[in-house]
């Protein structure tokens, strides 16, 4: 069995190459989506880097523009899931990453863990109605994209819905069974149509769809990611050497976000930990 990865990226092409090279070790699959707003040269540099590194199990999705806060990132992720299901059938889990994510454990350890929990999906799982009612503004009115930006129309949604809203981070590890359900089940499509007009629907979709599904009992409310937030900032903290003890003790399999311009040493340290050279895009795995 193998793992499947989707990378949704928009900057730092060589950092993307290093990540894709590391996760593709052993023949794992990787689908890469480059934000159309980043330009054709961005994608071309990644493609050249992967070819130079000898990566043969990475493909590109057609590039769409992604608008922060809108449904665009969810549309891309759903397209990636459908494409991955069509590409191969010998993977157990799909793991979505950004270009600034990194594994915290050797790939062999991650594979061993997920292969032992082949029917489980891992994601943050919060009941909006009982735990975060403050988030109801995200879907109580219609949100649409206008001139490349998400806008709240302030037009209320009329009528009820037949599913309960759940919330959590966009970052998930989904079993193949869960991916098939999300991609193809009519009930999933119904919920996706509703969320098309929500704000940040990517933080509602997997949680709501899968909690409403026949496989809800196989959801594990732990996304296995180390992400640090401070205050009310909408962006996670860039992780540095100072965060290493907490990352190591967290038990997480992946973390974000990293920036070599802020701290290249932590990236090199993780590379040594996981057995991949993250400094030049080549993996130490045979």
Protein backbone atom coordinates (compact mmCIF):
# COMPACT_ATOMS: atom_id res chain seq x y z
CA UNK A 1 0.00 0.00 0.00
CA UNK A 2 0.97 3.62 -0.53
CA UNK A 3 -0.10 7.07 0.63
CA UNK A 4 -1.58 9.85 -1.50
CA UNK A 5 -0.74 13.51 -0.99
CA UNK A 6 -2.26 16.68 -2.38
CA UNK A 7 -0.25 19.89 -2.30
CA UNK A 8 -2.01 23.21 -2.81
CA UNK A 9 0.77 25.75 -3.31
CA UNK A 10 1.39 29.33 -4.34
CA UNK A 11 4.95 30.35 -3.38
CA UNK A 12 8.54 29.15 -2.78
CA UNK A 13 8.78 26.64 -5.65
CA UNK A 14 11.94 24.90 -4.43
CA UNK A 15 10.41 24.41 -0.99
CA UNK A 16 7.51 22.68 -2.77
CA UNK A 17 9.96 20.49 -4.71
CA UNK A 18 11.68 19.43 -1.48
CA UNK A 19 8.39 18.56 0.20
CA UNK A 20 7.03 16.65 -2.81
CA UNK A 21 10.31 14.77 -3.19
CA UNK A 22 10.23 13.74 0.47
CA UNK A 23 6.62 12.49 0.52
CA UNK A 24 6.93 10.68 -2.83
CA UNK A 25 9.68 8.45 -1.46
CA UNK A 26 8.82 4.78 -1.90
CA UNK A 27 6.39 5.48 -4.73
CA UNK A 28 3.75 7.46 -2.84
CA UNK A 29 1.51 9.61 -5.01
CA UNK A 30 1.40 13.41 -5.08
CA UNK A 31 -0.98 15.76 -6.87
CA UNK A 32 0.15 19.37 -6.98
CA UNK A 33 -2.09 22.37 -7.60
CA UNK A 34 -0.36 25.66 -8.32
CA UNK A 35 -2.44 28.76 -7.76
CA UNK A 36 -3.08 30.26 -11.18
CA UNK A 37 -2.37 33.66 -9.65
CA UNK A 38 1.26 32.54 -9.16
CA UNK A 39 1.86 32.34 -12.91
CA UNK A 40 3.06 29.72 -15.36
CA UNK A 41 6.74 30.18 -14.46
CA UNK A 42 6.03 29.09 -10.89
CA UNK A 43 4.60 25.76 -12.01
CA UNK A 44 7.37 25.30 -14.58
CA UNK A 45 10.06 25.72 -11.91
CA UNK A 46 8.43 23.07 -9.72
CA UNK A 47 8.12 20.69 -12.67
CA UNK A 48 11.79 21.17 -13.57
CA UNK A 49 12.82 20.62 -9.96
CA UNK A 50 10.84 17.39 -9.68
CA UNK A 51 12.30 16.10 -12.93
CA UNK A 52 15.80 16.91 -11.72
CA UNK A 53 15.10 15.08 -8.44
CA UNK A 54 13.88 12.01 -10.33
CA UNK A 55 10.33 12.14 -8.93
CA UNK A 56 8.01 10.06 -11.14
CA UNK A 57 4.86 9.80 -9.00
CA UNK A 58 3.88 13.47 -8.94
CA UNK A 59 1.34 15.07 -11.23
CA UNK A 60 -0.14 18.53 -11.63
CA UNK A 61 -3.77 19.54 -11.54
CA UNK A 62 -4.90 22.23 -13.94
CA UNK A 63 -4.35 25.54 -12.19
CA UNK A 64 -7.28 27.59 -10.93
CA UNK A 65 -7.11 30.94 -9.13
CA UNK A 66 -7.57 30.56 -5.38
CA UNK A 67 -9.14 33.33 -3.33
CA UNK A 68 -8.52 33.23 0.41
CA UNK A 69 -11.76 32.78 2.38
CA UNK A 70 -13.83 31.70 -0.63
CA UNK A 71 -14.98 28.33 -1.90
CA UNK A 72 -12.15 28.19 -4.45
CA UNK A 73 -9.72 26.21 -2.29
CA UNK A 74 -12.43 23.67 -1.47
CA UNK A 75 -13.26 23.25 -5.17
CA UNK A 76 -9.61 22.58 -5.91
CA UNK A 77 -9.29 20.07 -3.05
CA UNK A 78 -12.41 18.20 -4.14
CA UNK A 79 -11.08 18.08 -7.69
CA UNK A 80 -7.80 16.71 -6.36
CA UNK A 81 -9.58 14.00 -4.39
CA UNK A 82 -11.55 12.88 -7.44
CA UNK A 83 -8.39 12.88 -9.55
CA UNK A 84 -6.49 10.84 -6.96
CA UNK A 85 -9.28 8.25 -6.76
CA UNK A 86 -9.11 7.88 -10.55
CA UNK A 87 -5.31 7.80 -10.68
CA UNK A 88 -4.58 4.79 -8.46
CA UNK A 89 -6.29 2.33 -6.14
CA UNK A 90 -3.36 1.12 -4.03
CA UNK A 91 -3.25 3.94 -1.46
CA UNK A 92 -4.80 3.88 2.00
CA UNK A 93 -5.07 7.56 2.95
CA UNK A 94 -5.07 10.95 1.32
CA UNK A 95 -3.17 13.68 3.18
CA UNK A 96 -3.52 17.32 2.14
CA UNK A 97 -0.59 19.66 2.58
CA UNK A 98 0.39 23.21 1.80
CA UNK A 99 3.78 24.10 0.40
CA UNK A 100 4.84 25.17 3.90
CA UNK A 101 4.02 21.86 5.62
CA UNK A 102 6.55 19.20 6.63
CA UNK A 103 6.38 15.67 8.04
CA UNK A 104 7.60 15.46 11.63
CA UNK A 105 8.29 11.72 11.53
CA UNK A 106 10.01 9.44 9.04
CA UNK A 107 7.68 8.44 6.26
CA UNK A 108 7.96 4.78 7.24
CA UNK A 109 6.53 5.60 10.69
CA UNK A 110 3.68 7.60 9.19
CA UNK A 111 2.89 4.76 6.79
CA UNK A 112 2.99 2.17 9.57
CA UNK A 113 0.56 4.21 11.65
CA UNK A 114 -1.91 4.84 8.83
CA UNK A 115 -1.77 1.32 7.41
CA UNK A 116 -2.66 0.06 10.90
CA UNK A 117 -5.72 2.38 10.87
CA UNK A 118 -6.73 1.89 7.26
CA UNK A 119 -10.43 2.51 7.85
CA UNK A 120 -9.96 5.63 10.01
CA UNK A 121 -9.92 9.29 9.00
CA UNK A 122 -8.16 11.91 11.10
CA UNK A 123 -9.41 15.49 11.32
CA UNK A 124 -10.25 18.23 13.76
CA UNK A 125 -13.93 17.87 14.60
CA UNK A 126 -15.96 20.55 16.39
CA UNK A 127 -19.75 20.81 16.62
CA UNK A 128 -20.61 24.36 15.56
CA UNK A 129 -24.00 24.42 17.26
CA UNK A 130 -22.81 23.35 20.70
CA UNK A 131 -19.13 24.36 20.74
CA UNK A 132 -18.69 27.25 18.28
CA UNK A 133 -22.05 28.95 17.66
CA UNK A 134 -20.08 32.14 17.01
CA UNK A 135 -19.15 30.68 13.63
CA UNK A 136 -22.71 30.57 12.33
CA UNK A 137 -22.15 33.88 10.52
CA UNK A 138 -20.06 31.95 8.02
CA UNK A 139 -23.10 30.21 6.56
CA UNK A 140 -26.16 32.13 7.79
CA UNK A 141 -25.90 34.52 4.83
CA UNK A 142 -24.75 34.05 1.24
CA UNK A 143 -21.06 34.66 0.53
CA UNK A 144 -19.87 34.96 -3.08
CA UNK A 145 -16.72 35.91 -4.98
CA UNK A 146 -16.73 39.36 -6.61
CA UNK A 147 -13.70 40.76 -8.45
CA UNK A 148 -11.47 38.10 -6.98
CA UNK A 149 -12.49 38.65 -3.36
CA UNK A 150 -14.98 36.92 -1.04
CA UNK A 151 -17.95 39.11 -0.22
CA UNK A 152 -20.78 38.78 2.27
CA UNK A 153 -24.01 39.66 0.50
CA UNK A 154 -25.81 39.89 3.88
CA UNK A 155 -28.69 38.07 2.19
CA UNK A 156 -29.94 35.54 4.76
CA UNK A 157 -30.45 31.92 3.89
CA UNK A 158 -34.11 31.04 4.13
CA UNK A 159 -35.23 27.63 5.30
CA UNK A 160 -33.52 24.95 7.30
CA UNK A 161 -30.95 22.33 6.40
CA UNK A 162 -31.03 18.61 6.96
CA UNK A 163 -27.49 18.27 8.30
CA UNK A 164 -25.61 19.51 11.36
CA UNK A 165 -22.69 21.87 10.81
CA UNK A 166 -19.25 20.81 11.98
CA UNK A 167 -16.03 22.78 11.91
CA UNK A 168 -12.29 22.11 11.92
CA UNK A 169 -9.01 22.83 10.22
CA UNK A 170 -8.74 22.20 6.50
CA UNK A 171 -5.84 19.80 7.10
CA UNK A 172 -6.98 16.17 7.17
CA UNK A 173 -5.92 12.56 6.62
CA UNK A 174 -8.80 10.75 4.93
CA UNK A 175 -9.18 7.04 4.32
CA UNK A 176 -9.76 5.95 0.74
CA UNK A 177 -13.33 5.04 1.72
CA UNK A 178 -13.88 8.55 3.05
CA UNK A 179 -12.42 10.07 -0.12
CA UNK A 180 -14.74 8.00 -2.30
CA UNK A 181 -17.73 9.12 -0.24
CA UNK A 182 -16.73 12.78 -0.30
CA UNK A 183 -16.07 12.70 -4.05
CA UNK A 184 -19.08 10.76 -5.30
CA UNK A 185 -21.96 10.37 -2.84
CA UNK A 186 -25.07 12.45 -3.67
CA UNK A 187 -25.42 13.52 -0.04
CA UNK A 188 -21.87 14.87 -0.12
CA UNK A 189 -22.68 16.79 -3.31
CA UNK A 190 -25.74 18.29 -1.62
CA UNK A 191 -23.68 19.57 1.30
CA UNK A 192 -20.99 20.90 -1.03
CA UNK A 193 -23.60 22.90 -2.94
CA UNK A 194 -24.75 24.45 0.34
CA UNK A 195 -21.20 25.29 1.39
CA UNK A 196 -20.41 26.88 -1.95
CA UNK A 197 -21.93 30.07 -0.56
CA UNK A 198 -20.28 29.95 2.87
CA UNK A 199 -17.23 31.81 4.11
CA UNK A 200 -14.17 29.58 4.60
CA UNK A 201 -16.14 26.49 3.53
CA UNK A 202 -12.90 24.47 3.56
CA UNK A 203 -13.09 24.55 7.37
CA UNK A 204 -16.63 23.15 7.34
CA UNK A 205 -16.78 20.69 4.48
CA UNK A 206 -14.98 17.49 5.48
CA UNK A 207 -16.22 17.70 9.05
CA UNK A 208 -19.86 18.25 8.05
CA UNK A 209 -19.93 15.78 5.15
CA UNK A 210 -18.27 12.90 6.96
CA UNK A 211 -20.10 13.41 10.28
CA UNK A 212 -23.33 13.08 8.31
CA UNK A 213 -22.14 9.95 6.49
CA UNK A 214 -22.45 6.19 7.15
CA UNK A 215 -18.75 6.17 8.13
CA UNK A 216 -19.09 8.81 10.85
CA UNK A 217 -18.13 6.23 13.47
CA UNK A 218 -14.73 5.83 11.83
CA UNK A 219 -13.70 9.47 12.28
CA UNK A 220 -10.91 10.23 14.75
CA UNK A 221 -11.09 13.82 16.12
CA UNK A 222 -7.35 14.39 15.87
CA UNK A 223 -5.80 15.86 12.72
CA UNK A 224 -2.26 14.83 13.77
CA UNK A 225 -0.91 18.26 12.82
CA UNK A 226 1.08 20.75 14.85
CA UNK A 227 -0.15 24.26 14.04
CA UNK A 228 0.41 27.19 16.38
CA UNK A 229 -1.89 30.21 16.53
CA UNK A 230 -1.38 33.44 18.42
CA UNK A 231 -4.10 35.90 19.34
CA UNK A 232 -6.69 36.58 16.67
CA UNK A 233 -4.31 36.37 13.71
CA UNK A 234 -5.84 34.44 10.77
CA UNK A 235 -2.40 33.06 9.93
CA UNK A 236 -0.50 30.40 11.89
CA UNK A 237 2.85 31.15 13.45
CA UNK A 238 5.95 30.41 11.36
CA UNK A 239 7.67 27.62 13.29
CA UNK A 240 11.30 27.89 14.38
CA UNK A 241 13.89 26.00 16.41
CA UNK A 242 12.26 27.37 19.55
CA UNK A 243 9.13 25.36 18.76
CA UNK A 244 10.93 22.05 18.23
CA UNK A 245 10.40 20.62 21.77
CA UNK A 246 6.66 21.25 21.55
CA UNK A 247 6.49 19.78 18.04
CA UNK A 248 8.40 16.69 19.11
CA UNK A 249 6.23 16.14 22.18
CA UNK A 250 2.93 16.75 20.36
CA UNK A 251 2.77 13.34 18.70
CA UNK A 252 1.78 15.09 15.45
CA UNK A 253 2.73 13.55 12.14
CA UNK A 254 2.92 16.84 10.24
CA UNK A 255 3.34 20.52 11.06
CA UNK A 256 2.94 23.91 9.42
CA UNK A 257 4.07 26.41 8.63
CA UNK A 258 7.78 26.71 7.83
CA UNK A 259 9.70 29.42 6.02
CA UNK A 260 13.42 29.11 5.23
CA UNK A 261 13.67 32.90 5.17
CA UNK A 262 12.63 32.92 8.84
CA UNK A 263 14.43 29.80 10.10
CA UNK A 264 16.19 27.42 7.71
CA UNK A 265 17.79 25.50 10.58
CA UNK A 266 14.50 24.00 11.77
CA UNK A 267 13.84 22.72 8.24
CA UNK A 268 17.28 21.10 8.12
CA UNK A 269 16.70 19.61 11.56
CA UNK A 270 13.42 18.05 10.49
CA UNK A 271 15.07 16.77 7.35
CA UNK A 272 17.62 14.90 9.44
CA UNK A 273 14.84 13.59 11.66
CA UNK A 274 12.75 12.19 8.81
CA UNK A 275 15.64 10.99 6.66
CA UNK A 276 15.14 13.40 3.77
CA UNK A 277 17.44 16.14 2.53
CA UNK A 278 15.22 19.21 2.60
CA UNK A 279 18.01 21.56 1.55
CA UNK A 280 18.32 20.64 -2.11
CA UNK A 281 15.18 18.68 -3.00
CA UNK A 282 16.64 15.18 -2.97
CA UNK A 283 15.55 12.33 -0.73
CA UNK A 284 17.93 9.99 1.01
CA UNK A 285 15.49 7.09 0.47
CA UNK A 286 16.49 4.64 -2.23
